[in-house]
Amino acid sequence: MQPDLIEVVRQALLTGLVVLAPALVVGFAVATCVGLVQAATGIHEPLVGLVPRLVAMAVVLLFTLPWMLERLVDLMRATVAVP
């Protein structure tokens, strides 16, 4: 019983990491670019850094949502199917 539970938790953590990776990578890339622009121009307003990051992550989530749901549903089916 214990090894099955460990395997399910491992799969859940791995799936969560894979599902969230696209949004996190895009958020990091946009934050880096905006940070460089802010450093170059001398504008240090927090809202200028936050809004582009949120918009970029929302767009990525919008486009990857079907894939994310498919991965999560597959995980749930595999978890429920375990005897």
PDB file of N, CA and C in Angstrom:
ATOM      1  N   MET A   1       0.824  -1.200   0.000  1.00  0.00           N
ATOM      2  CA  MET A   1       0.000   0.000   0.000  1.00  0.00           C
ATOM      3  C   MET A   1       0.867   1.262   0.000  1.00  0.00           C
ATOM      4  N   GLN A   2       1.909   1.281   0.801  1.00  0.00           N
ATOM      5  CA  GLN A   2       2.763   2.465   0.927  1.00  0.00           C
ATOM      6  C   GLN A   2       3.481   2.815  -0.380  1.00  0.00           C
ATOM      7  N   PRO A   3       4.070   1.854  -1.118  1.00  0.00           N
ATOM      8  CA  PRO A   3       4.737   2.223  -2.382  1.00  0.00           C
ATOM      9  C   PRO A   3       3.768   2.793  -3.414  1.00  0.00           C
ATOM     10  N   ASP A   4       2.517   2.326  -3.421  1.00  0.00           N
ATOM     11  CA  ASP A   4       1.536   2.875  -4.351  1.00  0.00           C
ATOM     12  C   ASP A   4       1.244   4.342  -4.050  1.00  0.00           C
ATOM     13  N   LEU A   5       1.115   4.660  -2.786  1.00  0.00           N
ATOM     14  CA  LEU A   5       0.859   6.036  -2.381  1.00  0.00           C
ATOM     15  C   LEU A   5       2.034   6.942  -2.747  1.00  0.00           C
ATOM     16  N   ILE A   6       3.230   6.453  -2.529  1.00  0.00           N
ATOM     17  CA  ILE A   6       4.422   7.237  -2.873  1.00  0.00           C
ATOM     18  C   ILE A   6       4.469   7.481  -4.373  1.00  0.00           C
ATOM     19  N   GLU A   7       4.132   6.481  -5.164  1.00  0.00           N
ATOM     20  CA  GLU A   7       4.134   6.630  -6.623  1.00  0.00           C
ATOM     21  C   GLU A   7       3.076   7.627  -7.085  1.00  0.00           C
ATOM     22  N   VAL A   8       1.900   7.601  -6.479  1.00  0.00           N
ATOM     23  CA  VAL A   8       0.837   8.542  -6.838  1.00  0.00           C
ATOM     24  C   VAL A   8       1.249   9.971  -6.500  1.00  0.00           C
ATOM     25  N   VAL A   9       1.837  10.161  -5.341  1.00  0.00           N
ATOM     26  CA  VAL A   9       2.289  11.505  -4.941  1.00  0.00           C
ATOM     27  C   VAL A   9       3.402  11.985  -5.860  1.00  0.00           C
ATOM     28  N   ARG A  10       4.314  11.099  -6.217  1.00  0.00           N
ATOM     29  CA  ARG A  10       5.399  11.454  -7.136  1.00  0.00           C
ATOM     30  C   ARG A  10       4.843  11.867  -8.486  1.00  0.00           C
ATOM     31  N   GLN A  11       3.893  11.108  -9.008  1.00  0.00           N
ATOM     32  CA  GLN A  11       3.277  11.442 -10.300  1.00  0.00           C
ATOM     33  C   GLN A  11       2.527  12.770 -10.222  1.00  0.00           C
ATOM     34  N   ALA A  12       1.848  13.020  -9.109  1.00  0.00           N
ATOM     35  CA  ALA A  12       1.113  14.276  -8.948  1.00  0.00           C
ATOM     36  C   ALA A  12       2.064  15.470  -8.923  1.00  0.00           C
ATOM     37  N   LEU A  13       3.157  15.356  -8.211  1.00  0.00           N
ATOM     38  CA  LEU A  13       4.131  16.449  -8.156  1.00  0.00           C
ATOM     39  C   LEU A  13       4.783  16.682  -9.513  1.00  0.00           C
ATOM     40  N   LEU A  14       5.120  15.611 -10.203  1.00  0.00           N
ATOM     41  CA  LEU A  14       5.732  15.728 -11.523  1.00  0.00           C
ATOM     42  C   LEU A  14       4.767  16.351 -12.521  1.00  0.00           C
ATOM     43  N   THR A  15       3.519  15.921 -12.492  1.00  0.00           N
ATOM     44  CA  THR A  15       2.516  16.476 -13.398  1.00  0.00           C
ATOM     45  C   THR A  15       2.268  17.948 -13.094  1.00  0.00           C
ATOM     46  N   GLY A  16       2.200  18.300 -11.827  1.00  0.00           N
ATOM     47  CA  GLY A  16       2.024  19.701 -11.455  1.00  0.00           C
ATOM     48  C   GLY A  16       3.167  20.569 -11.943  1.00  0.00           C
ATOM     49  N   LEU A  17       4.384  20.058 -11.841  1.00  0.00           N
ATOM     50  CA  LEU A  17       5.546  20.802 -12.324  1.00  0.00           C
ATOM     51  C   LEU A  17       5.502  20.981 -13.836  1.00  0.00           C
ATOM     52  N   VAL A  18       5.161  19.920 -14.553  1.00  0.00           N
ATOM     53  CA  VAL A  18       5.109  19.984 -16.019  1.00  0.00           C
ATOM     54  C   VAL A  18       3.978  20.904 -16.481  1.00  0.00           C
ATOM     55  N   VAL A  19       2.859  20.862 -15.799  1.00  0.00           N
ATOM     56  CA  VAL A  19       1.705  21.675 -16.189  1.00  0.00           C
ATOM     57  C   VAL A  19       1.976  23.167 -15.953  1.00  0.00           C
ATOM     58  N   LEU A  20       2.644  23.497 -14.871  1.00  0.00           N
ATOM     59  CA  LEU A  20       2.898  24.895 -14.554  1.00  0.00           C
ATOM     60  C   LEU A  20       4.130  25.473 -15.233  1.00  0.00           C
ATOM     61  N   ALA A  21       4.981  24.631 -15.770  1.00  0.00           N
ATOM     62  CA  ALA A  21       6.245  25.085 -16.345  1.00  0.00           C
ATOM     63  C   ALA A  21       6.088  26.131 -17.455  1.00  0.00           C
ATOM     64  N   PRO A  22       5.181  25.964 -18.426  1.00  0.00           N
ATOM     65  CA  PRO A  22       5.095  26.981 -19.485  1.00  0.00           C
ATOM     66  C   PRO A  22       4.782  28.380 -18.952  1.00  0.00           C
ATOM     67  N   ALA A  23       3.849  28.486 -18.042  1.00  0.00           N
ATOM     68  CA  ALA A  23       3.486  29.795 -17.500  1.00  0.00           C
ATOM     69  C   ALA A  23       4.633  30.382 -16.681  1.00  0.00           C
ATOM     70  N   LEU A  24       5.308  29.546 -15.913  1.00  0.00           N
ATOM     71  CA  LEU A  24       6.413  30.043 -15.102  1.00  0.00           C
ATOM     72  C   LEU A  24       7.594  30.483 -15.956  1.00  0.00           C
ATOM     73  N   VAL A  25       7.889  29.745 -17.015  1.00  0.00           N
ATOM     74  CA  VAL A  25       9.004  30.110 -17.892  1.00  0.00           C
ATOM     75  C   VAL A  25       8.716  31.424 -18.603  1.00  0.00           C
ATOM     76  N   VAL A  26       7.489  31.577 -19.102  1.00  0.00           N
ATOM     77  CA  VAL A  26       7.129  32.828 -19.780  1.00  0.00           C
ATOM     78  C   VAL A  26       7.134  33.989 -18.793  1.00  0.00           C
ATOM     79  N   GLY A  27       6.621  33.769 -17.592  1.00  0.00           N
ATOM     80  CA  GLY A  27       6.643  34.823 -16.574  1.00  0.00           C
ATOM     81  C   GLY A  27       8.056  35.242 -16.222  1.00  0.00           C
ATOM     82  N   PHE A  28       8.957  34.279 -16.120  1.00  0.00           N
ATOM     83  CA  PHE A  28      10.355  34.602 -15.827  1.00  0.00           C
ATOM     84  C   PHE A  28      10.997  35.366 -16.977  1.00  0.00           C
ATOM     85  N   ALA A  29      10.741  34.932 -18.216  1.00  0.00           N
ATOM     86  CA  ALA A  29      11.331  35.597 -19.378  1.00  0.00           C
ATOM     87  C   ALA A  29      10.837  37.040 -19.497  1.00  0.00           C
ATOM     88  N   VAL A  30       9.535  37.235 -19.316  1.00  0.00           N
ATOM     89  CA  VAL A  30       8.976  38.585 -19.410  1.00  0.00           C
ATOM     90  C   VAL A  30       9.496  39.455 -18.268  1.00  0.00           C
ATOM     91  N   ALA A  31       9.581  38.915 -17.079  1.00  0.00           N
ATOM     92  CA  ALA A  31      10.089  39.683 -15.943  1.00  0.00           C
ATOM     93  C   ALA A  31      11.543  40.086 -16.159  1.00  0.00           C
ATOM     94  N   THR A  32      12.326  39.200 -16.757  1.00  0.00           N
ATOM     95  CA  THR A  32      13.722  39.524 -17.037  1.00  0.00           C
ATOM     96  C   THR A  32      13.823  40.642 -18.066  1.00  0.00           C
ATOM     97  N   CYS A  33      13.041  40.534 -19.135  1.00  0.00           N
ATOM     98  CA  CYS A  33      13.067  41.573 -20.174  1.00  0.00           C
ATOM     99  C   CYS A  33      12.589  42.914 -19.626  1.00  0.00           C
ATOM    100  N   VAL A  34      11.516  42.910 -18.875  1.00  0.00           N
ATOM    101  CA  VAL A  34      10.990  44.155 -18.311  1.00  0.00           C
ATOM    102  C   VAL A  34      11.982  44.732 -17.306  1.00  0.00           C
ATOM    103  N   GLY A  35      12.627  43.874 -16.534  1.00  0.00           N
ATOM    104  CA  GLY A  35      13.634  44.343 -15.587  1.00  0.00           C
ATOM    105  C   GLY A  35      14.809  45.009 -16.281  1.00  0.00           C
ATOM    106  N   LEU A  36      15.232  44.429 -17.400  1.00  0.00           N
ATOM    107  CA  LEU A  36      16.318  45.050 -18.160  1.00  0.00           C
ATOM    108  C   LEU A  36      15.895  46.400 -18.729  1.00  0.00           C
ATOM    109  N   VAL A  37      14.677  46.478 -19.244  1.00  0.00           N
ATOM    110  CA  VAL A  37      14.176  47.751 -19.781  1.00  0.00           C
ATOM    111  C   VAL A  37      14.053  48.781 -18.663  1.00  0.00           C
ATOM    112  N   GLN A  38      13.557  48.362 -17.515  1.00  0.00           N
ATOM    113  CA  GLN A  38      13.431  49.290 -16.391  1.00  0.00           C
ATOM    114  C   GLN A  38      14.799  49.778 -15.922  1.00  0.00           C
ATOM    115  N   ALA A  39      15.772  48.892 -15.907  1.00  0.00           N
ATOM    116  CA  ALA A  39      17.117  49.304 -15.491  1.00  0.00           C
ATOM    117  C   ALA A  39      17.738  50.254 -16.508  1.00  0.00           C
ATOM    118  N   ALA A  40      17.471  50.013 -17.784  1.00  0.00           N
ATOM    119  CA  ALA A  40      18.051  50.859 -18.828  1.00  0.00           C
ATOM    120  C   ALA A  40      17.410  52.239 -18.869  1.00  0.00           C
ATOM    121  N   THR A  41      16.108  52.305 -18.581  1.00  0.00           N
ATOM    122  CA  THR A  41      15.403  53.588 -18.676  1.00  0.00           C
ATOM    123  C   THR A  41      15.333  54.334 -17.347  1.00  0.00           C
ATOM    124  N   GLY A  42      15.567  53.645 -16.252  1.00  0.00           N
ATOM    125  CA  GLY A  42      15.498  54.298 -14.952  1.00  0.00           C
ATOM    126  C   GLY A  42      14.092  54.362 -14.376  1.00  0.00           C
ATOM    127  N   ILE A  43      13.149  53.698 -15.004  1.00  0.00           N
ATOM    128  CA  ILE A  43      11.777  53.648 -14.484  1.00  0.00           C
ATOM    129  C   ILE A  43      11.698  52.464 -13.525  1.00  0.00           C
ATOM    130  N   HIS A  44      11.384  52.738 -12.279  1.00  0.00           N
ATOM    131  CA  HIS A  44      11.344  51.673 -11.283  1.00  0.00           C
ATOM    132  C   HIS A  44       9.970  51.581 -10.631  1.00  0.00           C
ATOM    133  N   GLU A  45       8.953  51.702 -11.416  1.00  0.00           N
ATOM    134  CA  GLU A  45       7.575  51.586 -10.929  1.00  0.00           C
ATOM    135  C   GLU A  45       7.208  50.098 -10.868  1.00  0.00           C
ATOM    136  N   PRO A  46       6.742  49.603  -9.734  1.00  0.00           N
ATOM    137  CA  PRO A  46       6.401  48.181  -9.615  1.00  0.00           C
ATOM    138  C   PRO A  46       5.283  47.744 -10.566  1.00  0.00           C
ATOM    139  N   LEU A  47       4.352  48.633 -10.833  1.00  0.00           N
ATOM    140  CA  LEU A  47       3.233  48.279 -11.698  1.00  0.00           C
ATOM    141  C   LEU A  47       3.688  48.032 -13.131  1.00  0.00           C
ATOM    142  N   VAL A  48       4.729  48.724 -13.558  1.00  0.00           N
ATOM    143  CA  VAL A  48       5.257  48.540 -14.907  1.00  0.00           C
ATOM    144  C   VAL A  48       5.837  47.132 -15.061  1.00  0.00           C
ATOM    145  N   GLY A  49       6.362  46.570 -14.013  1.00  0.00           N
ATOM    146  CA  GLY A  49       6.894  45.216 -14.071  1.00  0.00           C
ATOM    147  C   GLY A  49       5.843  44.150 -13.886  1.00  0.00           C
ATOM    148  N   LEU A  50       4.786  44.476 -13.173  1.00  0.00           N
ATOM    149  CA  LEU A  50       3.762  43.483 -12.856  1.00  0.00           C
ATOM    150  C   LEU A  50       2.787  43.245 -14.001  1.00  0.00           C
ATOM    151  N   VAL A  51       2.316  44.294 -14.625  1.00  0.00           N
ATOM    152  CA  VAL A  51       1.261  44.170 -15.635  1.00  0.00           C
ATOM    153  C   VAL A  51       1.705  43.331 -16.837  1.00  0.00           C
ATOM    154  N   PRO A  52       2.860  43.580 -17.445  1.00  0.00           N
ATOM    155  CA  PRO A  52       3.251  42.735 -18.588  1.00  0.00           C
ATOM    156  C   PRO A  52       3.422  41.258 -18.213  1.00  0.00           C
ATOM    157  N   ARG A  53       3.926  41.016 -17.022  1.00  0.00           N
ATOM    158  CA  ARG A  53       4.098  39.633 -16.569  1.00  0.00           C
ATOM    159  C   ARG A  53       2.750  38.942 -16.414  1.00  0.00           C
ATOM    160  N   LEU A  54       1.789  39.625 -15.800  1.00  0.00           N
ATOM    161  CA  LEU A  54       0.457  39.036 -15.635  1.00  0.00           C
ATOM    162  C   LEU A  54      -0.233  38.802 -16.973  1.00  0.00           C
ATOM    163  N   VAL A  55      -0.111  39.759 -17.885  1.00  0.00           N
ATOM    164  CA  VAL A  55      -0.733  39.604 -19.204  1.00  0.00           C
ATOM    165  C   VAL A  55      -0.104  38.432 -19.953  1.00  0.00           C
ATOM    166  N   ALA A  56       1.221  38.329 -19.932  1.00  0.00           N
ATOM    167  CA  ALA A  56       1.896  37.240 -20.638  1.00  0.00           C
ATOM    168  C   ALA A  56       1.522  35.878 -20.053  1.00  0.00           C
ATOM    169  N   MET A  57       1.478  35.796 -18.738  1.00  0.00           N
ATOM    170  CA  MET A  57       1.115  34.523 -18.115  1.00  0.00           C
ATOM    171  C   MET A  57      -0.341  34.170 -18.369  1.00  0.00           C
ATOM    172  N   ALA A  58      -1.228  35.163 -18.409  1.00  0.00           N
ATOM    173  CA  ALA A  58      -2.633  34.892 -18.714  1.00  0.00           C
ATOM    174  C   ALA A  58      -2.791  34.386 -20.143  1.00  0.00           C
ATOM    175  N   VAL A  59      -2.039  34.967 -21.078  1.00  0.00           N
ATOM    176  CA  VAL A  59      -2.113  34.511 -22.469  1.00  0.00           C
ATOM    177  C   VAL A  59      -1.607  33.073 -22.582  1.00  0.00           C
ATOM    178  N   VAL A  60      -0.506  32.775 -21.912  1.00  0.00           N
ATOM    179  CA  VAL A  60       0.030  31.407 -21.954  1.00  0.00           C
ATOM    180  C   VAL A  60      -0.958  30.432 -21.330  1.00  0.00           C
ATOM    181  N   LEU A  61      -1.551  30.798 -20.219  1.00  0.00           N
ATOM    182  CA  LEU A  61      -2.540  29.925 -19.594  1.00  0.00           C
ATOM    183  C   LEU A  61      -3.754  29.723 -20.489  1.00  0.00           C
ATOM    184  N   LEU A  62      -4.159  30.756 -21.191  1.00  0.00           N
ATOM    185  CA  LEU A  62      -5.299  30.647 -22.100  1.00  0.00           C
ATOM    186  C   LEU A  62      -5.011  29.652 -23.219  1.00  0.00           C
ATOM    187  N   PHE A  63      -3.798  29.705 -23.775  1.00  0.00           N
ATOM    188  CA  PHE A  63      -3.466  28.819 -24.892  1.00  0.00           C
ATOM    189  C   PHE A  63      -3.120  27.397 -24.444  1.00  0.00           C
ATOM    190  N   THR A  64      -2.599  27.239 -23.247  1.00  0.00           N
ATOM    191  CA  THR A  64      -2.204  25.907 -22.789  1.00  0.00           C
ATOM    192  C   THR A  64      -3.245  25.239 -21.890  1.00  0.00           C
ATOM    193  N   LEU A  65      -4.350  25.903 -21.635  1.00  0.00           N
ATOM    194  CA  LEU A  65      -5.364  25.333 -20.744  1.00  0.00           C
ATOM    195  C   LEU A  65      -5.903  23.988 -21.216  1.00  0.00           C
ATOM    196  N   PRO A  66      -6.221  23.798 -22.498  1.00  0.00           N
ATOM    197  CA  PRO A  66      -6.698  22.464 -22.905  1.00  0.00           C
ATOM    198  C   PRO A  66      -5.667  21.362 -22.638  1.00  0.00           C
ATOM    199  N   TRP A  67      -4.404  21.646 -22.926  1.00  0.00           N
ATOM    200  CA  TRP A  67      -3.349  20.673 -22.685  1.00  0.00           C
ATOM    201  C   TRP A  67      -3.202  20.399 -21.185  1.00  0.00           C
ATOM    202  N   MET A  68      -3.286  21.471 -20.372  1.00  0.00           N
ATOM    203  CA  MET A  68      -3.175  21.315 -18.923  1.00  0.00           C
ATOM    204  C   MET A  68      -4.296  20.442 -18.374  1.00  0.00           C
ATOM    205  N   LEU A  69      -5.508  20.717 -18.814  1.00  0.00           N
ATOM    206  CA  LEU A  69      -6.646  19.931 -18.345  1.00  0.00           C
ATOM    207  C   LEU A  69      -6.528  18.474 -18.769  1.00  0.00           C
ATOM    208  N   GLU A  70      -6.040  18.244 -19.977  1.00  0.00           N
ATOM    209  CA  GLU A  70      -5.852  16.877 -20.450  1.00  0.00           C
ATOM    210  C   GLU A  70      -4.852  16.128 -19.580  1.00  0.00           C
ATOM    211  N   ARG A  71      -3.746  16.785 -19.258  1.00  0.00           N
ATOM    212  CA  ARG A  71      -2.740  16.154 -18.398  1.00  0.00           C
ATOM    213  C   ARG A  71      -3.298  15.861 -17.004  1.00  0.00           C
ATOM    214  N   LEU A  72      -4.048  16.810 -16.440  1.00  0.00           N
ATOM    215  CA  LEU A  72      -4.606  16.613 -15.100  1.00  0.00           C
ATOM    216  C   LEU A  72      -5.684  15.534 -15.078  1.00  0.00           C
ATOM    217  N   VAL A  73      -6.496  15.482 -16.128  1.00  0.00           N
ATOM    218  CA  VAL A  73      -7.518  14.432 -16.215  1.00  0.00           C
ATOM    219  C   VAL A  73      -6.855  13.069 -16.361  1.00  0.00           C
ATOM    220  N   ASP A  74      -5.785  12.981 -17.157  1.00  0.00           N
ATOM    221  CA  ASP A  74      -5.054  11.721 -17.281  1.00  0.00           C
ATOM    222  C   ASP A  74      -4.481  11.283 -15.940  1.00  0.00           C
ATOM    223  N   LEU A  75      -3.978  12.236 -15.177  1.00  0.00           N
ATOM    224  CA  LEU A  75      -3.450  11.910 -13.841  1.00  0.00           C
ATOM    225  C   LEU A  75      -4.564  11.392 -12.942  1.00  0.00           C
ATOM    226  N   MET A  76      -5.708  12.042 -12.955  1.00  0.00           N
ATOM    227  CA  MET A  76      -6.822  11.598 -12.114  1.00  0.00           C
ATOM    228  C   MET A  76      -7.315  10.216 -12.518  1.00  0.00           C
ATOM    229  N   ARG A  77      -7.394   9.991 -13.821  1.00  0.00           N
ATOM    230  CA  ARG A  77      -7.821   8.650 -14.289  1.00  0.00           C
ATOM    231  C   ARG A  77      -6.833   7.588 -13.854  1.00  0.00           C
ATOM    232  N   ALA A  78      -5.559   7.881 -13.944  1.00  0.00           N
ATOM    233  CA  ALA A  78      -4.540   6.911 -13.520  1.00  0.00           C
ATOM    234  C   ALA A  78      -4.586   6.694 -12.012  1.00  0.00           C
ATOM    235  N   THR A  79      -4.881   7.754 -11.265  1.00  0.00           N
ATOM    236  CA  THR A  79      -4.950   7.636  -9.806  1.00  0.00           C
ATOM    237  C   THR A  79      -6.154   6.821  -9.378  1.00  0.00           C
ATOM    238  N   VAL A  80      -7.293   7.045 -10.016  1.00  0.00           N
ATOM    239  CA  VAL A  80      -8.513   6.313  -9.650  1.00  0.00           C
ATOM    240  C   VAL A  80      -8.428   4.865 -10.107  1.00  0.00           C
ATOM    241  N   ALA A  81      -7.719   4.608 -11.200  1.00  0.00           N
ATOM    242  CA  ALA A  81      -7.629   3.265 -11.743  1.00  0.00           C
ATOM    243  C   ALA A  81      -6.704   2.356 -10.921  1.00  0.00           C
ATOM    244  N   VAL A  82      -5.909   2.933 -10.010  1.00  0.00           N
ATOM    245  CA  VAL A  82      -5.018   2.125  -9.196  1.00  0.00           C
ATOM    246  C   VAL A  82      -5.851   1.281  -8.260  1.00  0.00           C
ATOM    247  N   PRO A  83      -5.636  -0.046  -8.269  1.00  0.00           N
ATOM    248  CA  PRO A  83      -6.468  -0.926  -7.402  1.00  0.00           C
ATOM    249  C   PRO A  83      -6.156  -0.782  -5.934  1.00  0.00           C
TER     250      PRO A  83
END
